[in-house]
C-alpha atoms as a PDB file:
ATOM      1  CA  MET A   1       9.406 -26.330  45.117  1.00  0.00           C
ATOM      2  CA  VAL A   2      10.990 -29.026  47.255  1.00  0.00           C
ATOM      3  CA  PRO A   3      14.664 -29.650  46.264  1.00  0.00           C
ATOM      4  CA  LEU A   4      15.198 -32.921  44.419  1.00  0.00           C
ATOM      5  CA  ASP A   5      17.339 -34.508  47.146  1.00  0.00           C
ATOM      6  CA  ASN A   6      14.721 -33.738  49.784  1.00  0.00           C
ATOM      7  CA  LEU A   7      11.971 -35.006  47.505  1.00  0.00           C
ATOM      8  CA  LEU A   8      13.708 -38.328  46.873  1.00  0.00           C
ATOM      9  CA  GLY A   9      14.301 -38.782  50.595  1.00  0.00           C
ATOM     10  CA  PHE A  10      10.646 -38.065  51.306  1.00  0.00           C
ATOM     11  CA  LEU A  11       9.503 -40.539  48.641  1.00  0.00           C
ATOM     12  CA  VAL A  12      11.485 -43.310  50.325  1.00  0.00           C
ATOM     13  CA  ALA A  13      10.106 -42.418  53.765  1.00  0.00           C
ATOM     14  CA  ALA A  14       6.541 -42.095  52.463  1.00  0.00           C
ATOM     15  CA  ILE A  15       6.614 -45.438  50.650  1.00  0.00           C
ATOM     16  CA  ILE A  16       7.873 -47.168  53.791  1.00  0.00           C
ATOM     17  CA  LEU A  17       5.128 -45.570  55.900  1.00  0.00           C
ATOM     18  CA  ILE A  18       2.409 -46.387  53.367  1.00  0.00           C
ATOM     19  CA  VAL A  19       3.427 -49.959  52.519  1.00  0.00           C
ATOM     20  CA  ILE A  20       3.418 -51.032  56.171  1.00  0.00           C
ATOM     21  CA  PRO A  21      -0.214 -52.083  56.846  1.00  0.00           C
ATOM     22  CA  GLY A  22      -1.912 -49.678  59.226  1.00  0.00           C
ATOM     23  CA  PRO A  23      -5.346 -48.194  59.977  1.00  0.00           C
ATOM     24  CA  SER A  24      -5.846 -47.037  56.392  1.00  0.00           C
ATOM     25  CA  VAL A  25      -5.238 -50.547  55.047  1.00  0.00           C
ATOM     26  CA  LEU A  26      -7.578 -52.127  57.603  1.00  0.00           C
ATOM     27  CA  PHE A  27     -10.272 -49.595  56.740  1.00  0.00           C
ATOM     28  CA  THR A  28      -9.837 -50.281  53.021  1.00  0.00           C
ATOM     29  CA  ILE A  29     -10.014 -54.057  53.445  1.00  0.00           C
ATOM     30  CA  GLY A  30     -12.980 -53.835  55.788  1.00  0.00           C
ATOM     31  CA  ARG A  31     -14.949 -51.576  53.468  1.00  0.00           C
ATOM     32  CA  THR A  32     -14.161 -53.699  50.410  1.00  0.00           C
ATOM     33  CA  LEU A  33     -15.201 -56.925  52.120  1.00  0.00           C
ATOM     34  CA  ALA A  34     -18.420 -55.256  53.244  1.00  0.00           C
ATOM     35  CA  LEU A  35     -19.302 -53.325  50.074  1.00  0.00           C
ATOM     36  CA  GLY A  36     -17.353 -54.849  47.206  1.00  0.00           C
ATOM     37  CA  ARG A  37     -14.833 -53.479  44.700  1.00  0.00           C
ATOM     38  CA  VAL A  38     -16.665 -50.254  43.862  1.00  0.00           C
ATOM     39  CA  GLY A  39     -17.441 -49.527  47.503  1.00  0.00           C
ATOM     40  CA  GLY A  40     -13.842 -50.191  48.485  1.00  0.00           C
ATOM     41  CA  LEU A  41     -12.372 -47.975  45.768  1.00  0.00           C
ATOM     42  CA  LEU A  42     -14.850 -45.170  46.481  1.00  0.00           C
ATOM     43  CA  SER A  43     -13.975 -45.400  50.167  1.00  0.00           C
ATOM     44  CA  VAL A  44     -10.280 -45.158  49.291  1.00  0.00           C
ATOM     45  CA  LEU A  45     -10.928 -42.106  47.109  1.00  0.00           C
ATOM     46  CA  GLY A  46     -13.108 -40.494  49.776  1.00  0.00           C
ATOM     47  CA  ASN A  47     -10.469 -41.164  52.415  1.00  0.00           C
ATOM     48  CA  ALA A  48      -7.818 -39.519  50.235  1.00  0.00           C
ATOM     49  CA  LEU A  49     -10.043 -36.498  49.605  1.00  0.00           C
ATOM     50  CA  GLY A  50     -10.585 -36.217  53.356  1.00  0.00           C
ATOM     51  CA  VAL A  51      -6.844 -36.019  53.916  1.00  0.00           C
ATOM     52  CA  ILE A  52      -6.438 -33.040  51.562  1.00  0.00           C
ATOM     53  CA  PRO A  53      -7.944 -30.496  54.033  1.00  0.00           C
ATOM     54  CA  ILE A  54      -5.527 -31.885  56.634  1.00  0.00           C
ATOM     55  CA  VAL A  55      -2.630 -31.271  54.236  1.00  0.00           C
ATOM     56  CA  VAL A  56      -3.816 -27.699  53.757  1.00  0.00           C
ATOM     57  CA  ALA A  57      -4.225 -27.203  57.519  1.00  0.00           C
ATOM     58  CA  VAL A  58      -0.759 -28.551  58.274  1.00  0.00           C
ATOM     59  CA  SER A  59       0.750 -26.431  55.505  1.00  0.00           C
ATOM     60  CA  LEU A  60      -0.798 -23.315  57.044  1.00  0.00           C
ATOM     61  CA  GLY A  61       0.207 -24.243  60.576  1.00  0.00           C
ATOM     62  CA  VAL A  62      -3.213 -25.213  61.901  1.00  0.00           C
ATOM     63  CA  GLY A  63      -2.247 -28.875  62.078  1.00  0.00           C
ATOM     64  CA  ALA A  64       0.541 -28.105  64.543  1.00  0.00           C
ATOM     65  CA  ILE A  65      -1.953 -26.425  66.869  1.00  0.00           C
ATOM     66  CA  VAL A  66      -4.305 -29.422  66.800  1.00  0.00           C
ATOM     67  CA  ALA A  67      -1.436 -31.879  67.285  1.00  0.00           C
ATOM     68  CA  GLN A  68      -0.334 -29.990  70.411  1.00  0.00           C
ATOM     69  CA  SER A  69      -3.836 -29.657  71.881  1.00  0.00           C
ATOM     70  CA  VAL A  70      -4.833 -32.686  73.949  1.00  0.00           C
ATOM     71  CA  LEU A  71      -8.497 -31.631  73.905  1.00  0.00           C
ATOM     72  CA  LEU A  72      -8.793 -31.086  70.138  1.00  0.00           C
ATOM     73  CA  PHE A  73      -6.771 -34.187  69.357  1.00  0.00           C
ATOM     74  CA  THR A  74      -8.894 -36.324  71.696  1.00  0.00           C
ATOM     75  CA  ILE A  75     -12.157 -34.981  70.259  1.00  0.00           C
ATOM     76  CA  LEU A  76     -11.049 -35.813  66.734  1.00  0.00           C
ATOM     77  CA  LYS A  77      -9.745 -39.210  67.795  1.00  0.00           C
ATOM     78  CA  PHE A  78     -12.977 -40.334  69.441  1.00  0.00           C
ATOM     79  CA  ALA A  79     -15.148 -38.853  66.688  1.00  0.00           C
ATOM     80  CA  GLY A  80     -13.243 -40.800  64.045  1.00  0.00           C
ATOM     81  CA  ALA A  81     -13.204 -43.992  66.135  1.00  0.00           C
ATOM     82  CA  ALA A  82     -16.948 -43.765  66.821  1.00  0.00           C
ATOM     83  CA  TYR A  83     -17.675 -43.294  63.122  1.00  0.00           C
ATOM     84  CA  LEU A  84     -15.636 -46.374  62.210  1.00  0.00           C
ATOM     85  CA  VAL A  85     -17.520 -48.423  64.805  1.00  0.00           C
ATOM     86  CA  TYR A  86     -20.808 -47.121  63.384  1.00  0.00           C
ATOM     87  CA  LEU A  87     -19.818 -48.145  59.852  1.00  0.00           C
ATOM     88  CA  GLY A  88     -18.794 -51.576  61.097  1.00  0.00           C
ATOM     89  CA  ILE A  89     -22.080 -52.103  62.914  1.00  0.00           C
ATOM     90  CA  GLN A  90     -24.011 -51.046  59.811  1.00  0.00           C
ATOM     91  CA  ALA A  91     -22.055 -53.519  57.688  1.00  0.00           C
ATOM     92  CA  ILE A  92     -22.899 -56.355  60.096  1.00  0.00           C
ATOM     93  CA  ARG A  93     -26.554 -55.332  60.468  1.00  0.00           C
ATOM     94  CA  HIS A  94     -27.106 -55.254  56.704  1.00  0.00           C
ATOM     95  CA  ARG A  95     -24.912 -58.230  55.771  1.00  0.00           C
ATOM     96  CA  ASN A  96     -27.765 -60.308  54.361  1.00  0.00           C
ATOM     97  CA  GLU A  97     -29.224 -57.345  52.490  1.00  0.00           C
ATOM     98  CA  ALA A  98     -25.797 -56.635  50.982  1.00  0.00           C
ATOM     99  CA  ALA A  99     -25.548 -60.236  49.790  1.00  0.00           C
ATOM    100  CA  ARG A 100     -28.967 -60.043  48.144  1.00  0.00           C
ATOM    101  CA  ARG A 101     -28.151 -56.785  46.379  1.00  0.00           C
ATOM    102  CA  VAL A 102     -24.849 -58.098  45.073  1.00  0.00           C
ATOM    103  CA  GLU A 103     -26.704 -61.087  43.612  1.00  0.00           C
ATOM    104  CA  ALA A 104     -29.175 -58.671  42.028  1.00  0.00           C
ATOM    105  CA  GLY A 105     -26.333 -56.543  40.644  1.00  0.00           C
ATOM    106  CA  THR A 106     -27.133 -53.427  42.697  1.00  0.00           C
ATOM    107  CA  LEU A 107     -24.891 -51.506  45.091  1.00  0.00           C
ATOM    108  CA  PRO A 108     -25.626 -51.707  48.844  1.00  0.00           C
ATOM    109  CA  ARG A 109     -25.161 -47.913  49.125  1.00  0.00           C
ATOM    110  CA  SER A 110     -25.210 -44.988  46.763  1.00  0.00           C
ATOM    111  CA  ARG A 111     -21.821 -44.127  45.324  1.00  0.00           C
ATOM    112  CA  ARG A 112     -22.056 -40.606  46.706  1.00  0.00           C
ATOM    113  CA  ARG A 113     -22.660 -41.969  50.192  1.00  0.00           C
ATOM    114  CA  GLN A 114     -19.748 -44.409  49.950  1.00  0.00           C
ATOM    115  CA  LEU A 115     -17.487 -41.561  48.883  1.00  0.00           C
ATOM    116  CA  ALA A 116     -18.778 -39.318  51.677  1.00  0.00           C
ATOM    117  CA  GLU A 117     -18.250 -41.991  54.339  1.00  0.00           C
ATOM    118  CA  GLY A 118     -14.637 -42.434  53.237  1.00  0.00           C
ATOM    119  CA  PHE A 119     -14.179 -38.651  53.335  1.00  0.00           C
ATOM    120  CA  VAL A 120     -15.423 -38.451  56.939  1.00  0.00           C
ATOM    121  CA  VAL A 121     -13.014 -41.188  58.022  1.00  0.00           C
ATOM    122  CA  GLY A 122     -10.117 -39.415  56.293  1.00  0.00           C
ATOM    123  CA  ILE A 123     -10.764 -35.956  57.708  1.00  0.00           C
ATOM    124  CA  THR A 124     -11.416 -37.187  61.280  1.00  0.00           C
ATOM    125  CA  ASN A 125      -8.157 -39.142  61.568  1.00  0.00           C
ATOM    126  CA  PRO A 126      -5.975 -37.146  63.997  1.00  0.00           C
ATOM    127  CA  LYS A 127      -3.044 -39.508  63.513  1.00  0.00           C
ATOM    128  CA  THR A 128      -2.728 -38.144  59.989  1.00  0.00           C
ATOM    129  CA  ILE A 129      -2.271 -34.648  61.427  1.00  0.00           C
ATOM    130  CA  ALA A 130       0.310 -35.875  63.926  1.00  0.00           C
ATOM    131  CA  SER A 131       2.188 -37.813  61.235  1.00  0.00           C
ATOM    132  CA  PHE A 132       2.251 -34.883  58.822  1.00  0.00           C
ATOM    133  CA  VAL A 133       3.350 -32.431  61.526  1.00  0.00           C
ATOM    134  CA  ALA A 134       6.150 -34.802  62.553  1.00  0.00           C
ATOM    135  CA  VAL A 135       7.326 -35.954  59.117  1.00  0.00           C
ATOM    136  CA  LEU A 136       6.713 -33.278  56.477  1.00  0.00           C
ATOM    137  CA  PRO A 137       8.870 -30.510  58.022  1.00  0.00           C
ATOM    138  CA  GLN A 138      11.859 -32.879  58.029  1.00  0.00           C
ATOM    139  CA  PHE A 139      12.031 -32.658  54.239  1.00  0.00           C
ATOM    140  CA  VAL A 140      11.480 -28.920  53.813  1.00  0.00           C
ATOM    141  CA  ASP A 141      14.382 -26.744  52.682  1.00  0.00           C
ATOM    142  CA  LEU A 142      14.137 -23.382  54.479  1.00  0.00           C
ATOM    143  CA  ASN A 143      16.617 -21.820  52.061  1.00  0.00           C
ATOM    144  CA  SER A 144      14.279 -22.527  49.149  1.00  0.00           C
ATOM    145  CA  GLY A 145      11.531 -20.388  50.692  1.00  0.00           C
ATOM    146  CA  ALA A 146       7.758 -20.839  50.308  1.00  0.00           C
ATOM    147  CA  VAL A 147       7.651 -23.297  53.192  1.00  0.00           C
ATOM    148  CA  PRO A 148       3.821 -23.667  53.179  1.00  0.00           C
ATOM    149  CA  LEU A 149       3.957 -24.521  49.479  1.00  0.00           C
ATOM    150  CA  GLN A 150       6.675 -27.112  50.086  1.00  0.00           C
ATOM    151  CA  LEU A 151       4.627 -28.686  52.886  1.00  0.00           C
ATOM    152  CA  PHE A 152       1.569 -28.792  50.643  1.00  0.00           C
ATOM    153  CA  GLU A 153       3.550 -30.368  47.822  1.00  0.00           C
ATOM    154  CA  LEU A 154       4.929 -33.100  50.088  1.00  0.00           C
ATOM    155  CA  GLY A 155       1.513 -33.734  51.595  1.00  0.00           C
ATOM    156  CA  MET A 156      -0.160 -34.134  48.216  1.00  0.00           C
ATOM    157  CA  ILE A 157       2.559 -36.522  47.069  1.00  0.00           C
ATOM    158  CA  PHE A 158       1.858 -38.609  50.168  1.00  0.00           C
ATOM    159  CA  VAL A 159      -1.879 -38.568  49.430  1.00  0.00           C
ATOM    160  CA  ALA A 160      -1.279 -39.700  45.833  1.00  0.00           C
ATOM    161  CA  LEU A 161       0.984 -42.559  46.910  1.00  0.00           C
ATOM    162  CA  ALA A 162      -1.496 -43.661  49.580  1.00  0.00           C
ATOM    163  CA  LEU A 163      -4.333 -43.548  47.054  1.00  0.00           C
ATOM    164  CA  VAL A 164      -2.486 -45.920  44.719  1.00  0.00           C
ATOM    165  CA  CYS A 165      -1.395 -48.299  47.488  1.00  0.00           C
ATOM    166  CA  ASP A 166      -4.812 -48.454  49.166  1.00  0.00           C
ATOM    167  CA  SER A 167      -6.461 -49.047  45.785  1.00  0.00           C
ATOM    168  CA  VAL A 168      -4.251 -52.102  45.315  1.00  0.00           C
ATOM    169  CA  TRP A 169      -5.369 -53.389  48.727  1.00  0.00           C
ATOM    170  CA  ALA A 170      -8.994 -52.782  47.743  1.00  0.00           C
ATOM    171  CA  LEU A 171      -8.593 -54.733  44.508  1.00  0.00           C
ATOM    172  CA  ALA A 172      -6.909 -57.609  46.340  1.00  0.00           C
ATOM    173  CA  ALA A 173      -9.660 -57.734  48.963  1.00  0.00           C
ATOM    174  CA  SER A 174     -12.265 -57.538  46.210  1.00  0.00           C
ATOM    175  CA  ALA A 175     -10.793 -60.582  44.473  1.00  0.00           C
ATOM    176  CA  ALA A 176     -11.172 -62.589  47.688  1.00  0.00           C
ATOM    177  CA  ARG A 177     -14.702 -61.244  48.173  1.00  0.00           C
ATOM    178  CA  ASP A 178     -15.699 -62.190  44.634  1.00  0.00           C
ATOM    179  CA  TRP A 179     -14.686 -65.785  45.302  1.00  0.00           C
ATOM    180  CA  PHE A 180     -16.655 -65.907  48.544  1.00  0.00           C
ATOM    181  CA  GLY A 181     -19.477 -64.071  46.823  1.00  0.00           C
ATOM    182  CA  ARG A 182     -20.459 -67.174  44.866  1.00  0.00           C
ATOM    183  CA  SER A 183     -22.385 -68.138  47.989  1.00  0.00           C
ATOM    184  CA  PRO A 184     -24.774 -65.678  49.704  1.00  0.00           C
ATOM    185  CA  LYS A 185     -23.829 -67.128  53.104  1.00  0.00           C
ATOM    186  CA  ARG A 186     -20.137 -66.692  52.454  1.00  0.00           C
ATOM    187  CA  LEU A 187     -20.743 -63.172  51.149  1.00  0.00           C
ATOM    188  CA  ALA A 188     -22.701 -62.312  54.302  1.00  0.00           C
ATOM    189  CA  ALA A 189     -19.786 -63.699  56.303  1.00  0.00           C
ATOM    190  CA  MET A 190     -17.444 -61.407  54.372  1.00  0.00           C
ATOM    191  CA  SER A 191     -19.603 -58.398  55.221  1.00  0.00           C
ATOM    192  CA  THR A 192     -19.543 -59.458  58.871  1.00  0.00           C
ATOM    193  CA  THR A 193     -15.759 -59.824  58.742  1.00  0.00           C
ATOM    194  CA  GLY A 194     -15.395 -56.398  57.153  1.00  0.00           C
ATOM    195  CA  GLY A 195     -17.674 -54.871  59.752  1.00  0.00           C
ATOM    196  CA  GLY A 196     -15.708 -56.557  62.509  1.00  0.00           C
ATOM    197  CA  LEU A 197     -12.454 -55.155  61.138  1.00  0.00           C
ATOM    198  CA  MET A 198     -13.870 -51.630  61.161  1.00  0.00           C
ATOM    199  CA  ILE A 199     -15.226 -52.011  64.696  1.00  0.00           C
ATOM    200  CA  GLY A 200     -11.879 -53.386  65.867  1.00  0.00           C
ATOM    201  CA  LEU A 201     -10.033 -50.556  64.148  1.00  0.00           C
ATOM    202  CA  GLY A 202     -12.284 -47.996  65.811  1.00  0.00           C
ATOM    203  CA  GLY A 203     -11.583 -49.586  69.196  1.00  0.00           C
ATOM    204  CA  VAL A 204      -7.840 -49.593  68.635  1.00  0.00           C
ATOM    205  CA  LEU A 205      -7.836 -45.924  67.627  1.00  0.00           C
ATOM    206  CA  ALA A 206      -9.996 -44.954  70.612  1.00  0.00           C
ATOM    207  CA  LEU A 207      -7.720 -46.786  73.068  1.00  0.00           C
ATOM    208  CA  SER A 208      -4.445 -45.602  71.540  1.00  0.00           C
ATOM    209  CA  GLY A 209      -2.226 -43.011  73.236  1.00  0.00           C
ATOM    210  CA  THR A 210      -3.685 -39.598  73.959  1.00  0.00           C
ATOM    211  CA  LYS A 211      -1.461 -37.640  71.595  1.00  0.00           C
ATOM    212  CA  HIS A 212       0.327 -40.176  69.476  1.00  0.00           C
END
C-alpha cells in the first residue's frame, strides 16, 4: 500500500494534471459532439479501460522500456494519431447520417463499437506511458515494499479520477450538442466540429516531440 502522505501528494498532482485540458479532454469533447452523450461517455469509459493495460505494463517495468525506445514510442505515437484522424474523418463523412439517426432516436454506432474505439485510443497513447513512468515512481515508498503494487495502485487512482473528470466534460459537451441538435444542420455542424477536433488532435500528437 502507498503511505498516506505519498497518496495525498499524488492526489494533488493527479488532479492538477487531469483538470488542465489536454488530449484526453479534446478527444472526449470531439467524440461527444460527433456521437452524443452516450457515445461520449462510452468513449470515455473505453479510453479509461485502454489505460489499464498501460498501468499494468508500467507497474511491471515494461512501460519504462517503451518510454526509452524511440522506435517503439514513435510507432505507438503515429498509430494513435492515425486512428484519431480516422475517427475524425468518419465523423465528418457521416455527419448528416448522424443527424438523421439522432432525430430518429437511434445511435450512430453500436455501443460496443463506441467503447472499442475509445479503448484503442487509450491503449495507443504513448504519452500516457511517458507520464506514468515519469510521475508514478515519485510517489512510491521503497521502504514499504511491493513497489509494483504501489505503482498499480497509483495508476488505477489516476484512471478513476480521469474517468470522472472526462465524464463531466462529456456531459457538458452533450448539453451544448443537445441545444444545437434542435436543428439537423446545426447537429451536422457539431459532428463536423467534433471530427475536426479529433483530426487536429491527431495532427498535434503526430507532430509532437519524438519522446515527450
